[in-house]
Protein backbone atom coordinates (compact mmCIF):
# COMPACT_ATOMS: atom_id res chain seq x y z
CA MET A 1 -10.43 -18.79 -24.84
CA SER A 2 -12.17 -21.10 -27.30
CA ARG A 3 -13.99 -20.78 -30.56
CA ASN A 4 -16.69 -23.03 -29.16
CA PRO A 5 -19.40 -21.07 -27.29
CA VAL A 6 -20.40 -24.14 -25.27
CA VAL A 7 -16.84 -24.52 -23.97
CA ASN A 8 -16.73 -20.82 -23.05
CA ALA A 9 -20.08 -21.00 -21.23
CA LEU A 10 -19.07 -24.19 -19.44
CA GLY A 11 -15.78 -22.54 -18.43
CA ALA A 12 -17.68 -19.60 -16.94
CA SER A 13 -20.03 -21.97 -15.12
CA ALA A 14 -17.12 -24.03 -13.78
CA TYR A 15 -15.37 -20.87 -12.58
CA ILE A 16 -18.52 -19.77 -10.73
CA LEU A 17 -18.90 -23.19 -9.10
CA LEU A 18 -15.23 -23.13 -8.09
CA VAL A 19 -15.46 -19.65 -6.53
CA VAL A 20 -18.64 -20.52 -4.62
CA SER A 21 -17.17 -23.80 -3.39
CA VAL A 22 -13.95 -22.16 -2.19
CA MET A 23 -15.82 -19.30 -0.54
CA ASN A 24 -18.18 -21.75 1.18
CA PHE A 25 -15.27 -23.87 2.42
CA VAL A 26 -13.12 -20.93 3.57
CA THR A 27 -15.90 -19.06 5.36
CA LYS A 28 -17.33 -22.06 7.24
CA PRO A 29 -15.20 -21.52 10.36
CA LEU A 30 -15.95 -17.77 10.28
CA ARG A 31 -19.75 -17.98 10.31
CA ASN A 32 -20.20 -17.11 14.00
CA LYS A 33 -17.63 -14.31 14.02
CA PRO A 34 -18.37 -10.67 13.22
CA ASP A 35 -17.18 -9.22 9.94
CA THR A 36 -13.97 -7.24 9.99
CA PHE A 37 -12.49 -4.63 7.70
CA PHE A 38 -11.27 -7.43 5.45
CA ALA A 39 -14.71 -8.84 4.61
CA PRO A 40 -15.58 -6.12 2.05
CA VAL A 41 -11.96 -5.99 0.89
CA THR A 42 -12.12 -9.71 0.13
CA VAL A 43 -15.41 -9.29 -1.71
CA LEU A 44 -13.90 -6.58 -3.90
CA PHE A 45 -10.85 -8.74 -4.61
CA VAL A 46 -13.04 -11.66 -5.66
CA LEU A 47 -15.29 -9.37 -7.71
CA THR A 48 -12.32 -7.88 -9.56
CA LEU A 49 -10.84 -11.30 -10.26
CA SER A 50 -14.21 -12.59 -11.44
CA VAL A 51 -14.71 -9.67 -13.82
CA ALA A 52 -11.28 -10.32 -15.31
CA VAL A 53 -11.89 -14.06 -15.71
CA MET A 54 -15.36 -13.55 -17.22
CA ALA A 55 -14.02 -10.89 -19.58
CA TYR A 56 -11.41 -13.37 -20.77
CA LEU A 57 -13.96 -16.19 -21.18
CA PHE A 58 -16.57 -14.08 -22.96
CA PHE A 59 -14.57 -11.45 -24.87
CA TYR A 60 -11.06 -12.70 -25.70
CA GLN A 61 -11.82 -14.80 -28.77
CA PRO A 62 -14.52 -12.44 -30.13
CA LEU A 63 -12.04 -9.57 -29.74
CA GLN A 64 -9.44 -11.55 -31.68
CA TYR A 65 -11.98 -12.07 -34.47
CA PHE A 66 -12.88 -8.39 -34.41
CA ILE A 67 -9.24 -7.31 -34.65
CA GLN A 68 -8.78 -9.66 -37.61
CA GLY A 69 -11.71 -7.97 -39.35
CA LYS A 70 -14.10 -10.89 -38.82
CA LYS A 71 -16.85 -8.80 -37.25
CA LYS A 72 -19.71 -11.20 -38.00
CA GLU A 73 -17.83 -14.13 -36.43
CA ALA A 74 -17.00 -11.96 -33.41
CA VAL A 75 -20.62 -11.02 -32.80
CA ASP A 76 -21.87 -14.56 -33.47
CA LEU A 77 -19.43 -16.13 -31.01
CA PHE A 78 -20.17 -13.56 -28.32
CA VAL A 79 -23.97 -13.82 -28.70
CA LYS A 80 -23.88 -17.63 -28.77
CA THR A 81 -21.66 -17.77 -25.68
CA VAL A 82 -23.92 -15.40 -23.75
CA GLY A 83 -27.01 -17.25 -24.98
CA ILE A 84 -25.72 -20.64 -23.86
CA PHE A 85 -24.66 -19.16 -20.53
CA ALA A 86 -28.17 -17.68 -20.17
CA ILE A 87 -29.63 -21.15 -20.76
CA PHE A 88 -27.36 -22.59 -18.05
CA THR A 89 -28.45 -19.79 -15.72
CA ALA A 90 -32.13 -20.41 -16.48
CA LEU A 91 -31.69 -24.13 -15.81
CA VAL A 92 -30.11 -23.43 -12.42
CA LEU A 93 -32.93 -21.01 -11.56
CA ILE A 94 -35.56 -23.58 -12.56
CA LEU A 95 -33.85 -26.27 -10.49
CA LEU A 96 -33.72 -23.90 -7.52
CA PHE A 97 -37.37 -22.88 -7.99
CA TYR A 98 -38.51 -26.52 -7.94
CA ARG A 99 -36.11 -27.27 -5.05
CA LEU A 100 -34.22 -29.87 -7.02
CA ILE A 101 -30.87 -28.45 -5.95
C-alpha cells in the first residue's frame, strides 16, 4: 500500500467505515425478517474479504521491504501502522464510552 503508516491506518479505518455503512444500508429493509441460510454465508464472505483487504493494508509494503532485505524498515512500518491504528481504535472507544458518537 503506502510507506506512510498514517495512510495505511487511515485506509484501514476508511475500509471499516465503508463496510459498516454498506451493511447498515443493505440490511435496513431486512431487520424485521428472520435470518436465512445466506446470513452466515454473507458474514463469512465479508469476513474473508476484510481479512484480505486488511492483510494488504497492513502487510504488503512491510513484506516488500522484508523481501528486499530491509528487515528493520519492514518491522518499523508494520509496528507504526498497527500502533496508529490502535490509537484510532482507542479514540473511537473513548468517544463511544463518553457517548460522543
